[in-house]
Amino acid sequence: MPENDTQIQLVTFQLGEEQYGIDIMKVEGIVREEEIRSIPNAPFYVEGIFNLRGNIIPVISLHKRFHLKRAELSEEEKLLSGLIIINLSNMLLGVIIDKVSRVVIVDKTSIQPPPQMLSGIGAEYIRGVVHQNGGYLIILDINRLFNPKELQQIGKITR
């Protein structure tokens, strides 16, 4: 079912104990966690860089950024961990996730404003929250995850 003006498609994933979603239009792909090379003097939340089909991509840990614990996963669930490649201001970034879930379609009218504080992530990074399956899905606003100065600093890593 294609997205329309009243719906949004989200790539959902687990980060720590919570389920998150990112607008599918910002996602370039999902890859297994490859060899990540650390970078000296990088911001604390930058794990390093990796090579994706000839492109050097910075890898970000939202766990570190938001002080979240990694989820405890079974061996089977670990097969679903990796990186979501997002396009942020024409820069590709790899975001470490604990486990990819699925793509869901959400009615925009069901998106509620975020509570002020949710699992350590400030409301300024959250587009909204959707109740589903007895729990809730936190929709991240990836355009607000990093301020322009941080993006510039991350961009310098790959040059």
Foldseek 3Di string as FASTA:
>chain_A
DDDDPFKFKWFWAAFAHAIATEGVVFWPAWDAADDFDCDPPAPPQWRHWDADPNAIAIEGEVCVVQVGDGYDDDPVQQVQWHWTWGQAVNHTHTYGGNGTDGMDMDGPVQFAQDDQDDRRDGSQQFPGWHDDDNRIYTYGDVNRSDDPVSVVSNVVRRD
